[in-house]
Structure formats: C-alpha cells, structure tokens
C-alpha cells in the first residue's frame, strides 16, 4: 500500500488544534487517494511525526505543507526523518507549479462575485518573509509573478511580516477595489494576528481572503503530487 505523510509546522504554543486541523485536511487528501495510507503530523505536536512514521511503514512520501523551501523543509525535517532513511520528501506546497493556477481560479471567483475586472483591481500578496534567509521572500515573489502572468491586475504588491517591505507599508494606499491573498498554508499565527493588524493599520478596505493553502482545490493538488511521485518509484 502506498503511504504518505502530510507535514506542517503547526503551532508550538498550542499544538493540538493545529494538529487536528491538519488531520482534517489530510482526510480530504486521502479521499482522492483510495488504497493509500495518508497520515498527518505537525512538527510542533510532540510525538506526532514519530507516530505517523510508525503507522506509515518504512518508505512513506513526505509532503511538506509549507509555503517556501528553507530550513524547516530541508535540514530540520530531514533530521527529524533520520530514523526513516527511505522516506522521500517532496517539494513544499508553496512552490507547486499548480498553485498559481489554483490562485487564479480563486481570484477569478472573487472578481466575478464583485463584478470587478482584474485590470481595475489591485492585488496584495501577504507573505511571511524572513530576517535570516532569502528563501521565503524569493518563493513568495515567484508565486506572485506566476499569478501576474495568469491575470493582469492593475497593480500587484507583495509585503512581508518579518522583513521589508512590510505588510502595513505595502497595504497603505490601496483602494477599496483591492484583494489581499495571504501566501500561507493555514489560518494560524500570523494570519490571525499580524495580517489583520497590518491591514487595519493601513486602512485597507478591500477583500480579505483566507490563505491560499485553504483553497478548496489544495487537497486534490497535494494528492496529484503524491501520485506523480509514487509513479516514479521503482517497483
């Protein structure tokens, strides 16, 4: 039986709700993968990854439900998987080549509902950023550029929580015909606190969307990535 584990960062200060949310997400991925074992583990929940590895068997596929490539999806995760040397780690959600297409679908639905045209609307991508690594900003901007290639907005801005240009600065001056799309995987931490605070402080009057990681098509996207990786596995 093919096996996979969906891994996310979680919430270190309160790990149980984030673990439960990931398990619900994983159940939707599993619906698209009949005959598979699909487990869930946040890195913040004590023992969650070890338990998921024990249930999955010796060679699971590991899907990082992260938005950017970096320390967590590289050194940290591989160190945590040292007891499962045959596990294979896929690239994270945020760099999926399918994600900009999915974002474009979400944005078109918003535009249609509002009766807006992309060419008359401003798009604001709210990302995490990092003061220690360029990877977060790099991957966020790559996503924004890919979305811009699919939809020609009047203006697109990108702002970050942890590095300049910061969220509040980039959100300032956007008109009421604007959309904020958080480049995050889940409704946790920064999405609950920092992004609304920055938007409020900037007087943002536009549409505030859930993170792109919460889009309805993401579980199917993850399932397809796992199927494609499994198809490359020698039997």
Foldseek 3Di string as FASTA:
>chain_A
DAEEEEEEAADLVDRPVRQVVQQVLQVLLVVVPPPYHYHYDHPNDPPRVVVRDVVGDQEHEYEYQWQWDDCVLPVVVVVVCVVRVNYHYDGYPNQPPCLLVLVLVVVVVVCVVVVHAQQAAEEEEEFADDPPDCTRVVSSVVSVVSNCVVGPHVYYYYAHPHDPPHQLVRQAPGDQRYEYEYQGQACDDCNVPVNVVSNVVRVHNYHYDGHSNPRPCNSVVVSVVSVVVVVPDDD
